[in-house]
Amino acid sequence: MPRRKPQRSRSQPTHRSAFGDATSRIDDGPAGERYQVRTVPGSRATKIYRCPGCDHEIRPGVAHLVAWPVDEIGGADERRHWHAGCWSGRETRGLTRRWS
């Protein structure tokens, strides 16, 4: 019988936000920092962004995540748009040289 992938636990439950189809949650970083993370559905992605995890473009129409520090003053000014896979693998890969 095939094995199942373990369920990923989240520190905060996902909830609907006032931003259309976007959902928001709080994620913990590797050094104890906390990030507000909001999903952006492909239908709401209208601009080109550069992912700090892989340094590739996130094209319009591609679903992705927006993350920023919760505990810092002006944390919303530190928003970064990430591919979902790059965000989930950030602890093992780190940031690209451009964002370090």
PDB file of N, CA and C in Angstrom:
ATOM      1  N   MET A   1       0.844  -1.168   0.000  1.00  0.00           N
ATOM      2  CA  MET A   1       0.000   0.000   0.000  1.00  0.00           C
ATOM      3  C   MET A   1       0.901   1.247   0.000  1.00  0.00           C
ATOM      4  N   PRO A   2       0.631   2.265  -0.847  1.00  0.00           N
ATOM      5  CA  PRO A   2       1.461   3.452  -0.902  1.00  0.00           C
ATOM      6  C   PRO A   2       1.372   4.270   0.392  1.00  0.00           C
ATOM      7  N   ARG A   3       2.484   4.930   0.708  1.00  0.00           N
ATOM      8  CA  ARG A   3       2.505   5.760   1.908  1.00  0.00           C
ATOM      9  C   ARG A   3       1.934   7.138   1.602  1.00  0.00           C
ATOM     10  N   ARG A   4       1.341   7.738   2.603  1.00  0.00           N
ATOM     11  CA  ARG A   4       0.820   9.088   2.469  1.00  0.00           C
ATOM     12  C   ARG A   4       1.856  10.093   2.925  1.00  0.00           C
ATOM     13  N   LYS A   5       1.811  11.257   2.339  1.00  0.00           N
ATOM     14  CA  LYS A   5       2.663  12.337   2.803  1.00  0.00           C
ATOM     15  C   LYS A   5       2.119  12.833   4.143  1.00  0.00           C
ATOM     16  N   PRO A   6       2.993  13.169   5.078  1.00  0.00           N
ATOM     17  CA  PRO A   6       2.495  13.682   6.354  1.00  0.00           C
ATOM     18  C   PRO A   6       1.819  15.040   6.167  1.00  0.00           C
ATOM     19  N   GLN A   7       0.777  15.264   6.928  1.00  0.00           N
ATOM     20  CA  GLN A   7       0.073  16.541   6.862  1.00  0.00           C
ATOM     21  C   GLN A   7       0.944  17.636   7.434  1.00  0.00           C
ATOM     22  N   ARG A   8       0.996  18.741   6.787  1.00  0.00           N
ATOM     23  CA  ARG A   8       1.773  19.880   7.242  1.00  0.00           C
ATOM     24  C   ARG A   8       0.957  20.666   8.259  1.00  0.00           C
ATOM     25  N   SER A   9       1.531  20.903   9.413  1.00  0.00           N
ATOM     26  CA  SER A   9       0.799  21.657  10.430  1.00  0.00           C
ATOM     27  C   SER A   9       1.050  23.145  10.237  1.00  0.00           C
ATOM     28  N   ARG A  10       0.060  23.920  10.509  1.00  0.00           N
ATOM     29  CA  ARG A  10       0.163  25.367  10.406  1.00  0.00           C
ATOM     30  C   ARG A  10      -0.015  25.951  11.794  1.00  0.00           C
ATOM     31  N   SER A  11       0.716  27.020  12.060  1.00  0.00           N
ATOM     32  CA  SER A  11       0.621  27.627  13.374  1.00  0.00           C
ATOM     33  C   SER A  11      -0.698  28.366  13.561  1.00  0.00           C
ATOM     34  N   GLN A  12      -1.277  28.875  12.503  1.00  0.00           N
ATOM     35  CA  GLN A  12      -2.548  29.581  12.557  1.00  0.00           C
ATOM     36  C   GLN A  12      -3.464  28.996  11.485  1.00  0.00           C
ATOM     37  N   PRO A  13      -4.752  28.915  11.754  1.00  0.00           N
ATOM     38  CA  PRO A  13      -5.655  28.431  10.720  1.00  0.00           C
ATOM     39  C   PRO A  13      -5.766  29.437   9.580  1.00  0.00           C
ATOM     40  N   THR A  14      -6.020  28.931   8.388  1.00  0.00           N
ATOM     41  CA  THR A  14      -6.210  29.783   7.225  1.00  0.00           C
ATOM     42  C   THR A  14      -7.598  30.404   7.301  1.00  0.00           C
ATOM     43  N   HIS A  15      -7.706  31.673   6.945  1.00  0.00           N
ATOM     44  CA  HIS A  15      -9.005  32.327   6.937  1.00  0.00           C
ATOM     45  C   HIS A  15      -9.138  33.201   5.705  1.00  0.00           C
ATOM     46  N   ARG A  16     -10.371  33.478   5.349  1.00  0.00           N
ATOM     47  CA  ARG A  16     -10.634  34.331   4.194  1.00  0.00           C
ATOM     48  C   ARG A  16     -10.338  35.767   4.571  1.00  0.00           C
ATOM     49  N   SER A  17      -9.838  36.527   3.632  1.00  0.00           N
ATOM     50  CA  SER A  17      -9.544  37.934   3.894  1.00  0.00           C
ATOM     51  C   SER A  17     -10.467  38.809   3.067  1.00  0.00           C
ATOM     52  N   ALA A  18     -10.296  40.084   3.222  1.00  0.00           N
ATOM     53  CA  ALA A  18     -11.111  41.042   2.488  1.00  0.00           C
ATOM     54  C   ALA A  18     -10.574  41.277   1.081  1.00  0.00           C
ATOM     55  N   PHE A  19      -9.591  40.514   0.646  1.00  0.00           N
ATOM     56  CA  PHE A  19      -8.957  40.713  -0.649  1.00  0.00           C
ATOM     57  C   PHE A  19      -9.437  39.677  -1.654  1.00  0.00           C
ATOM     58  N   GLY A  20     -10.711  39.583  -1.860  1.00  0.00           N
ATOM     59  CA  GLY A  20     -11.246  38.673  -2.858  1.00  0.00           C
ATOM     60  C   GLY A  20     -11.037  37.223  -2.495  1.00  0.00           C
ATOM     61  N   ASP A  21     -10.368  36.478  -3.366  1.00  0.00           N
ATOM     62  CA  ASP A  21     -10.156  35.054  -3.163  1.00  0.00           C
ATOM     63  C   ASP A  21      -8.916  34.744  -2.323  1.00  0.00           C
ATOM     64  N   ALA A  22      -8.196  35.754  -1.873  1.00  0.00           N
ATOM     65  CA  ALA A  22      -6.946  35.530  -1.148  1.00  0.00           C
ATOM     66  C   ALA A  22      -7.218  34.980   0.249  1.00  0.00           C
ATOM     67  N   THR A  23      -6.349  34.084   0.704  1.00  0.00           N
ATOM     68  CA  THR A  23      -6.409  33.585   2.075  1.00  0.00           C
ATOM     69  C   THR A  23      -5.126  33.997   2.770  1.00  0.00           C
ATOM     70  N   SER A  24      -5.182  34.099   4.090  1.00  0.00           N
ATOM     71  CA  SER A  24      -4.052  34.604   4.842  1.00  0.00           C
ATOM     72  C   SER A  24      -3.759  33.688   6.018  1.00  0.00           C
ATOM     73  N   ARG A  25      -2.467  33.611   6.415  1.00  0.00           N
ATOM     74  CA  ARG A  25      -2.058  32.794   7.560  1.00  0.00           C
ATOM     75  C   ARG A  25      -0.760  33.359   8.131  1.00  0.00           C
ATOM     76  N   ILE A  26      -0.357  32.865   9.278  1.00  0.00           N
ATOM     77  CA  ILE A  26       0.907  33.225   9.901  1.00  0.00           C
ATOM     78  C   ILE A  26       1.819  32.002   9.830  1.00  0.00           C
ATOM     79  N   ASP A  27       3.037  32.176   9.292  1.00  0.00           N
ATOM     80  CA  ASP A  27       4.036  31.102   9.225  1.00  0.00           C
ATOM     81  C   ASP A  27       5.230  31.486  10.086  1.00  0.00           C
ATOM     82  N   ASP A  28       5.843  30.493  10.704  1.00  0.00           N
ATOM     83  CA  ASP A  28       7.049  30.707  11.495  1.00  0.00           C
ATOM     84  C   ASP A  28       8.270  30.459  10.627  1.00  0.00           C
ATOM     85  N   GLY A  29       9.292  31.316  10.760  1.00  0.00           N
ATOM     86  CA  GLY A  29      10.540  31.159  10.029  1.00  0.00           C
ATOM     87  C   GLY A  29      11.513  30.298  10.806  1.00  0.00           C
ATOM     88  N   PRO A  30      12.649  29.954  10.200  1.00  0.00           N
ATOM     89  CA  PRO A  30      13.622  29.069  10.837  1.00  0.00           C
ATOM     90  C   PRO A  30      14.286  29.674  12.070  1.00  0.00           C
ATOM     91  N   ALA A  31      14.380  31.001  12.147  1.00  0.00           N
ATOM     92  CA  ALA A  31      15.037  31.647  13.290  1.00  0.00           C
ATOM     93  C   ALA A  31      14.021  32.207  14.284  1.00  0.00           C
ATOM     94  N   GLY A  32      12.776  31.761  14.214  1.00  0.00           N
ATOM     95  CA  GLY A  32      11.748  32.196  15.146  1.00  0.00           C
ATOM     96  C   GLY A  32      10.950  33.406  14.697  1.00  0.00           C
ATOM     97  N   GLU A  33      11.301  33.996  13.558  1.00  0.00           N
ATOM     98  CA  GLU A  33      10.536  35.131  13.070  1.00  0.00           C
ATOM     99  C   GLU A  33       9.178  34.655  12.557  1.00  0.00           C
ATOM    100  N   ARG A  34       8.229  35.558  12.504  1.00  0.00           N
ATOM    101  CA  ARG A  34       6.878  35.218  12.055  1.00  0.00           C
ATOM    102  C   ARG A  34       6.547  36.035  10.812  1.00  0.00           C
ATOM    103  N   TYR A  35       5.860  35.390   9.863  1.00  0.00           N
ATOM    104  CA  TYR A  35       5.506  36.028   8.602  1.00  0.00           C
ATOM    105  C   TYR A  35       4.013  35.926   8.364  1.00  0.00           C
ATOM    106  N   GLN A  36       3.425  37.013   7.924  1.00  0.00           N
ATOM    107  CA  GLN A  36       2.053  37.006   7.419  1.00  0.00           C
ATOM    108  C   GLN A  36       2.161  36.548   5.977  1.00  0.00           C
ATOM    109  N   VAL A  37       1.399  35.547   5.595  1.00  0.00           N
ATOM    110  CA  VAL A  37       1.469  34.988   4.244  1.00  0.00           C
ATOM    111  C   VAL A  37       0.075  35.026   3.632  1.00  0.00           C
ATOM    112  N   ARG A  38      -0.016  35.594   2.459  1.00  0.00           N
ATOM    113  CA  ARG A  38      -1.300  35.683   1.765  1.00  0.00           C
ATOM    114  C   ARG A  38      -1.166  35.026   0.404  1.00  0.00           C
ATOM    115  N   THR A  39      -2.110  34.192   0.057  1.00  0.00           N
ATOM    116  CA  THR A  39      -2.102  33.569  -1.272  1.00  0.00           C
ATOM    117  C   THR A  39      -2.712  34.544  -2.277  1.00  0.00           C
ATOM    118  N   VAL A  40      -2.159  34.538  -3.469  1.00  0.00           N
ATOM    119  CA  VAL A  40      -2.676  35.365  -4.558  1.00  0.00           C
ATOM    120  C   VAL A  40      -3.096  34.415  -5.669  1.00  0.00           C
ATOM    121  N   PRO A  41      -4.401  34.303  -5.935  1.00  0.00           N
ATOM    122  CA  PRO A  41      -4.836  33.420  -7.018  1.00  0.00           C
ATOM    123  C   PRO A  41      -4.407  33.980  -8.374  1.00  0.00           C
ATOM    124  N   GLY A  42      -4.283  33.122  -9.340  1.00  0.00           N
ATOM    125  CA  GLY A  42      -3.837  33.531 -10.661  1.00  0.00           C
ATOM    126  C   GLY A  42      -4.709  34.603 -11.283  1.00  0.00           C
ATOM    127  N   SER A  43      -6.000  34.584 -10.991  1.00  0.00           N
ATOM    128  CA  SER A  43      -6.904  35.581 -11.570  1.00  0.00           C
ATOM    129  C   SER A  43      -6.643  36.983 -11.026  1.00  0.00           C
ATOM    130  N   ARG A  44      -5.998  37.093  -9.850  1.00  0.00           N
ATOM    131  CA  ARG A  44      -5.705  38.396  -9.237  1.00  0.00           C
ATOM    132  C   ARG A  44      -4.257  38.840  -9.471  1.00  0.00           C
ATOM    133  N   ALA A  45      -3.432  37.987 -10.051  1.00  0.00           N
ATOM    134  CA  ALA A  45      -2.029  38.316 -10.302  1.00  0.00           C
ATOM    135  C   ALA A  45      -1.934  39.036 -11.643  1.00  0.00           C
ATOM    136  N   THR A  46      -1.690  40.343 -11.591  1.00  0.00           N
ATOM    137  CA  THR A  46      -1.728  41.138 -12.816  1.00  0.00           C
ATOM    138  C   THR A  46      -0.393  41.780 -13.174  1.00  0.00           C
ATOM    139  N   LYS A  47       0.611  41.666 -12.292  1.00  0.00           N
ATOM    140  CA  LYS A  47       1.906  42.287 -12.547  1.00  0.00           C
ATOM    141  C   LYS A  47       3.014  41.233 -12.537  1.00  0.00           C
ATOM    142  N   ILE A  48       4.177  41.625 -13.025  1.00  0.00           N
ATOM    143  CA  ILE A  48       5.343  40.743 -12.987  1.00  0.00           C
ATOM    144  C   ILE A  48       6.115  41.034 -11.708  1.00  0.00           C
ATOM    145  N   TYR A  49       6.443  39.975 -10.960  1.00  0.00           N
ATOM    146  CA  TYR A  49       7.253  40.077  -9.745  1.00  0.00           C
ATOM    147  C   TYR A  49       8.452  39.150  -9.887  1.00  0.00           C
ATOM    148  N   ARG A  50       9.471  39.356  -9.078  1.00  0.00           N
ATOM    149  CA  ARG A  50      10.642  38.484  -9.064  1.00  0.00           C
ATOM    150  C   ARG A  50      10.675  37.754  -7.737  1.00  0.00           C
ATOM    151  N   CYS A  51      10.689  36.417  -7.782  1.00  0.00           N
ATOM    152  CA  CYS A  51      10.693  35.571  -6.589  1.00  0.00           C
ATOM    153  C   CYS A  51      12.081  35.624  -5.925  1.00  0.00           C
ATOM    154  N   PRO A  52      12.162  35.940  -4.623  1.00  0.00           N
ATOM    155  CA  PRO A  52      13.465  35.958  -3.954  1.00  0.00           C
ATOM    156  C   PRO A  52      14.023  34.560  -3.713  1.00  0.00           C
ATOM    157  N   GLY A  53      13.219  33.527  -3.854  1.00  0.00           N
ATOM    158  CA  GLY A  53      13.690  32.169  -3.633  1.00  0.00           C
ATOM    159  C   GLY A  53      14.463  31.598  -4.810  1.00  0.00           C
ATOM    160  N   CYS A  54      14.037  31.921  -6.030  1.00  0.00           N
ATOM    161  CA  CYS A  54      14.687  31.356  -7.218  1.00  0.00           C
ATOM    162  C   CYS A  54      15.199  32.421  -8.184  1.00  0.00           C
ATOM    163  N   ASP A  55      14.842  33.678  -7.940  1.00  0.00           N
ATOM    164  CA  ASP A  55      15.236  34.815  -8.773  1.00  0.00           C
ATOM    165  C   ASP A  55      14.636  34.737 -10.175  1.00  0.00           C
ATOM    166  N   HIS A  56      13.523  34.028 -10.327  1.00  0.00           N
ATOM    167  CA  HIS A  56      12.804  33.976 -11.605  1.00  0.00           C
ATOM    168  C   HIS A  56      11.571  34.856 -11.509  1.00  0.00           C
ATOM    169  N   GLU A  57      11.048  35.226 -12.658  1.00  0.00           N
ATOM    170  CA  GLU A  57       9.852  36.059 -12.693  1.00  0.00           C
ATOM    171  C   GLU A  57       8.606  35.254 -12.323  1.00  0.00           C
ATOM    172  N   ILE A  58       7.681  35.935 -11.671  1.00  0.00           N
ATOM    173  CA  ILE A  58       6.329  35.412 -11.464  1.00  0.00           C
ATOM    174  C   ILE A  58       5.468  36.193 -12.447  1.00  0.00           C
ATOM    175  N   ARG A  59       5.013  35.531 -13.465  1.00  0.00           N
ATOM    176  CA  ARG A  59       4.281  36.168 -14.553  1.00  0.00           C
ATOM    177  C   ARG A  59       2.836  36.444 -14.171  1.00  0.00           C
ATOM    178  N   PRO A  60       2.173  37.399 -14.843  1.00  0.00           N
ATOM    179  CA  PRO A  60       0.751  37.630 -14.599  1.00  0.00           C
ATOM    180  C   PRO A  60      -0.054  36.364 -14.869  1.00  0.00           C
ATOM    181  N   GLY A  61      -1.035  36.109 -14.032  1.00  0.00           N
ATOM    182  CA  GLY A  61      -1.877  34.930 -14.176  1.00  0.00           C
ATOM    183  C   GLY A  61      -1.369  33.711 -13.437  1.00  0.00           C
ATOM    184  N   VAL A  62      -0.205  33.810 -12.769  1.00  0.00           N
ATOM    185  CA  VAL A  62       0.368  32.678 -12.024  1.00  0.00           C
ATOM    186  C   VAL A  62       0.061  32.863 -10.538  1.00  0.00           C
ATOM    187  N   ALA A  63      -0.574  31.865  -9.941  1.00  0.00           N
ATOM    188  CA  ALA A  63      -0.866  31.909  -8.506  1.00  0.00           C
ATOM    189  C   ALA A  63       0.447  31.874  -7.726  1.00  0.00           C
ATOM    190  N   HIS A  64       0.529  32.656  -6.646  1.00  0.00           N
ATOM    191  CA  HIS A  64       1.750  32.723  -5.847  1.00  0.00           C
ATOM    192  C   HIS A  64       1.415  33.198  -4.431  1.00  0.00           C
ATOM    193  N   LEU A  65       2.435  33.481  -3.618  1.00  0.00           N
ATOM    194  CA  LEU A  65       2.260  33.942  -2.243  1.00  0.00           C
ATOM    195  C   LEU A  65       2.909  35.304  -2.065  1.00  0.00           C
ATOM    196  N   VAL A  66       2.364  36.071  -1.124  1.00  0.00           N
ATOM    197  CA  VAL A  66       2.985  37.315  -0.690  1.00  0.00           C
ATOM    198  C   VAL A  66       3.272  37.155   0.786  1.00  0.00           C
ATOM    199  N   ALA A  67       4.505  37.443   1.221  1.00  0.00           N
ATOM    200  CA  ALA A  67       4.882  37.274   2.626  1.00  0.00           C
ATOM    201  C   ALA A  67       5.606  38.523   3.112  1.00  0.00           C
ATOM    202  N   TRP A  68       5.369  38.856   4.397  1.00  0.00           N
ATOM    203  CA  TRP A  68       6.074  39.963   5.029  1.00  0.00           C
ATOM    204  C   TRP A  68       6.168  39.703   6.528  1.00  0.00           C
ATOM    205  N   PRO A  69       7.190  40.282   7.183  1.00  0.00           N
ATOM    206  CA  PRO A  69       7.384  40.053   8.615  1.00  0.00           C
ATOM    207  C   PRO A  69       6.235  40.643   9.422  1.00  0.00           C
ATOM    208  N   VAL A  70       5.790  39.917  10.450  1.00  0.00           N
ATOM    209  CA  VAL A  70       4.695  40.374  11.299  1.00  0.00           C
ATOM    210  C   VAL A  70       5.196  41.293  12.395  1.00  0.00           C
ATOM    211  N   ASP A  71       6.305  40.959  13.009  1.00  0.00           N
ATOM    212  CA  ASP A  71       6.741  41.628  14.230  1.00  0.00           C
ATOM    213  C   ASP A  71       7.493  42.931  14.004  1.00  0.00           C
ATOM    214  N   GLU A  72       7.871  43.242  12.799  1.00  0.00           N
ATOM    215  CA  GLU A  72       8.648  44.454  12.543  1.00  0.00           C
ATOM    216  C   GLU A  72       7.734  45.635  12.251  1.00  0.00           C
ATOM    217  N   ILE A  73       8.191  46.819  12.651  1.00  0.00           N
ATOM    218  CA  ILE A  73       7.471  48.043  12.308  1.00  0.00           C
ATOM    219  C   ILE A  73       7.674  48.270  10.814  1.00  0.00           C
ATOM    220  N   GLY A  74       6.604  48.576  10.123  1.00  0.00           N
ATOM    221  CA  GLY A  74       6.703  48.754   8.676  1.00  0.00           C
ATOM    222  C   GLY A  74       6.878  47.443   7.945  1.00  0.00           C
ATOM    223  N   GLY A  75       6.459  46.331   8.556  1.00  0.00           N
ATOM    224  CA  GLY A  75       6.638  45.019   7.955  1.00  0.00           C
ATOM    225  C   GLY A  75       5.967  44.869   6.608  1.00  0.00           C
ATOM    226  N   ALA A  76       4.848  45.566   6.421  1.00  0.00           N
ATOM    227  CA  ALA A  76       4.145  45.472   5.137  1.00  0.00           C
ATOM    228  C   ALA A  76       4.975  46.067   4.014  1.00  0.00           C
ATOM    229  N   ASP A  77       5.918  46.958   4.334  1.00  0.00           N
ATOM    230  CA  ASP A  77       6.801  47.512   3.312  1.00  0.00           C
ATOM    231  C   ASP A  77       7.822  46.476   2.855  1.00  0.00           C
ATOM    232  N   GLU A  78       7.964  45.410   3.601  1.00  0.00           N
ATOM    233  CA  GLU A  78       8.920  44.336   3.293  1.00  0.00           C
ATOM    234  C   GLU A  78       8.256  43.171   2.554  1.00  0.00           C
ATOM    235  N   ARG A  79       7.093  43.411   1.953  1.00  0.00           N
ATOM    236  CA  ARG A  79       6.392  42.337   1.245  1.00  0.00           C
ATOM    237  C   ARG A  79       7.224  41.812   0.099  1.00  0.00           C
ATOM    238  N   ARG A  80       7.199  40.500  -0.059  1.00  0.00           N
ATOM    239  CA  ARG A  80       7.879  39.833  -1.167  1.00  0.00           C
ATOM    240  C   ARG A  80       6.933  38.812  -1.775  1.00  0.00           C
ATOM    241  N   HIS A  81       6.953  38.720  -3.087  1.00  0.00           N
ATOM    242  CA  HIS A  81       6.116  37.765  -3.811  1.00  0.00           C
ATOM    243  C   HIS A  81       6.949  36.517  -4.089  1.00  0.00           C
ATOM    244  N   TRP A  82       6.437  35.349  -3.710  1.00  0.00           N
ATOM    245  CA  TRP A  82       7.156  34.076  -3.812  1.00  0.00           C
ATOM    246  C   TRP A  82       6.338  33.063  -4.610  1.00  0.00           C
ATOM    247  N   HIS A  83       7.018  32.183  -5.344  1.00  0.00           N
ATOM    248  CA  HIS A  83       6.365  30.976  -5.843  1.00  0.00           C
ATOM    249  C   HIS A  83       6.025  30.131  -4.619  1.00  0.00           C
ATOM    250  N   ALA A  84       4.939  29.401  -4.652  1.00  0.00           N
ATOM    251  CA  ALA A  84       4.548  28.584  -3.500  1.00  0.00           C
ATOM    252  C   ALA A  84       5.617  27.546  -3.156  1.00  0.00           C
ATOM    253  N   GLY A  85       6.214  26.920  -4.149  1.00  0.00           N
ATOM    254  CA  GLY A  85       7.257  25.925  -3.909  1.00  0.00           C
ATOM    255  C   GLY A  85       8.524  26.534  -3.326  1.00  0.00           C
ATOM    256  N   CYS A  86       8.866  27.735  -3.768  1.00  0.00           N
ATOM    257  CA  CYS A  86      10.056  28.414  -3.223  1.00  0.00           C
ATOM    258  C   CYS A  86       9.830  28.798  -1.773  1.00  0.00           C
ATOM    259  N   TRP A  87       8.617  29.231  -1.433  1.00  0.00           N
ATOM    260  CA  TRP A  87       8.317  29.589  -0.042  1.00  0.00           C
ATOM    261  C   TRP A  87       8.385  28.367   0.864  1.00  0.00           C
ATOM    262  N   SER A  88       7.830  27.261   0.407  1.00  0.00           N
ATOM    263  CA  SER A  88       7.834  26.061   1.257  1.00  0.00           C
ATOM    264  C   SER A  88       9.235  25.469   1.389  1.00  0.00           C
ATOM    265  N   GLY A  89      10.131  25.715   0.430  1.00  0.00           N
ATOM    266  CA  GLY A  89      11.483  25.177   0.494  1.00  0.00           C
ATOM    267  C   GLY A  89      12.531  26.185   0.930  1.00  0.00           C
ATOM    268  N   ARG A  90      12.113  27.340   1.432  1.00  0.00           N
ATOM    269  CA  ARG A  90      13.063  28.399   1.767  1.00  0.00           C
ATOM    270  C   ARG A  90      14.018  28.034   2.889  1.00  0.00           C
ATOM    271  N   GLU A  91      13.625  27.135   3.777  1.00  0.00           N
ATOM    272  CA  GLU A  91      14.485  26.756   4.901  1.00  0.00           C
ATOM    273  C   GLU A  91      15.669  25.905   4.438  1.00  0.00           C
ATOM    274  N   THR A  92      15.512  25.170   3.361  1.00  0.00           N
ATOM    275  CA  THR A  92      16.596  24.320   2.880  1.00  0.00           C
ATOM    276  C   THR A  92      17.465  25.008   1.842  1.00  0.00           C
ATOM    277  N   ARG A  93      16.887  25.941   1.062  1.00  0.00           N
ATOM    278  CA  ARG A  93      17.640  26.586  -0.009  1.00  0.00           C
ATOM    279  C   ARG A  93      18.179  27.956   0.366  1.00  0.00           C
ATOM    280  N   GLY A  94      17.444  28.697   1.177  1.00  0.00           N
ATOM    281  CA  GLY A  94      17.856  30.070   1.479  1.00  0.00           C
ATOM    282  C   GLY A  94      17.443  31.009   0.355  1.00  0.00           C
ATOM    283  N   LEU A  95      17.820  32.279   0.496  1.00  0.00           N
ATOM    284  CA  LEU A  95      17.502  33.287  -0.495  1.00  0.00           C
ATOM    285  C   LEU A  95      18.545  33.298  -1.602  1.00  0.00           C
ATOM    286  N   THR A  96      18.170  33.827  -2.740  1.00  0.00           N
ATOM    287  CA  THR A  96      19.136  34.005  -3.804  1.00  0.00           C
ATOM    288  C   THR A  96      20.090  35.139  -3.418  1.00  0.00           C
ATOM    289  N   ARG A  97      21.212  35.210  -4.039  1.00  0.00           N
ATOM    290  CA  ARG A  97      22.211  36.221  -3.715  1.00  0.00           C
ATOM    291  C   ARG A  97      21.654  37.634  -3.838  1.00  0.00           C
ATOM    292  N   ARG A  98      20.756  37.830  -4.770  1.00  0.00           N
ATOM    293  CA  ARG A  98      20.198  39.156  -5.025  1.00  0.00           C
ATOM    294  C   ARG A  98      19.458  39.703  -3.800  1.00  0.00           C
ATOM    295  N   TRP A  99      18.810  38.844  -2.994  1.00  0.00           N
ATOM    296  CA  TRP A  99      17.994  39.273  -1.862  1.00  0.00           C
ATOM    297  C   TRP A  99      18.702  39.108  -0.533  1.00  0.00           C
ATOM    298  N   SER A 100      19.880  38.563  -0.502  1.00  0.00           N
ATOM    299  CA  SER A 100      20.580  38.329   0.773  1.00  0.00           C
ATOM    300  C   SER A 100      21.139  39.606   1.339  1.00  0.00           C
TER     301      SER A 100
END
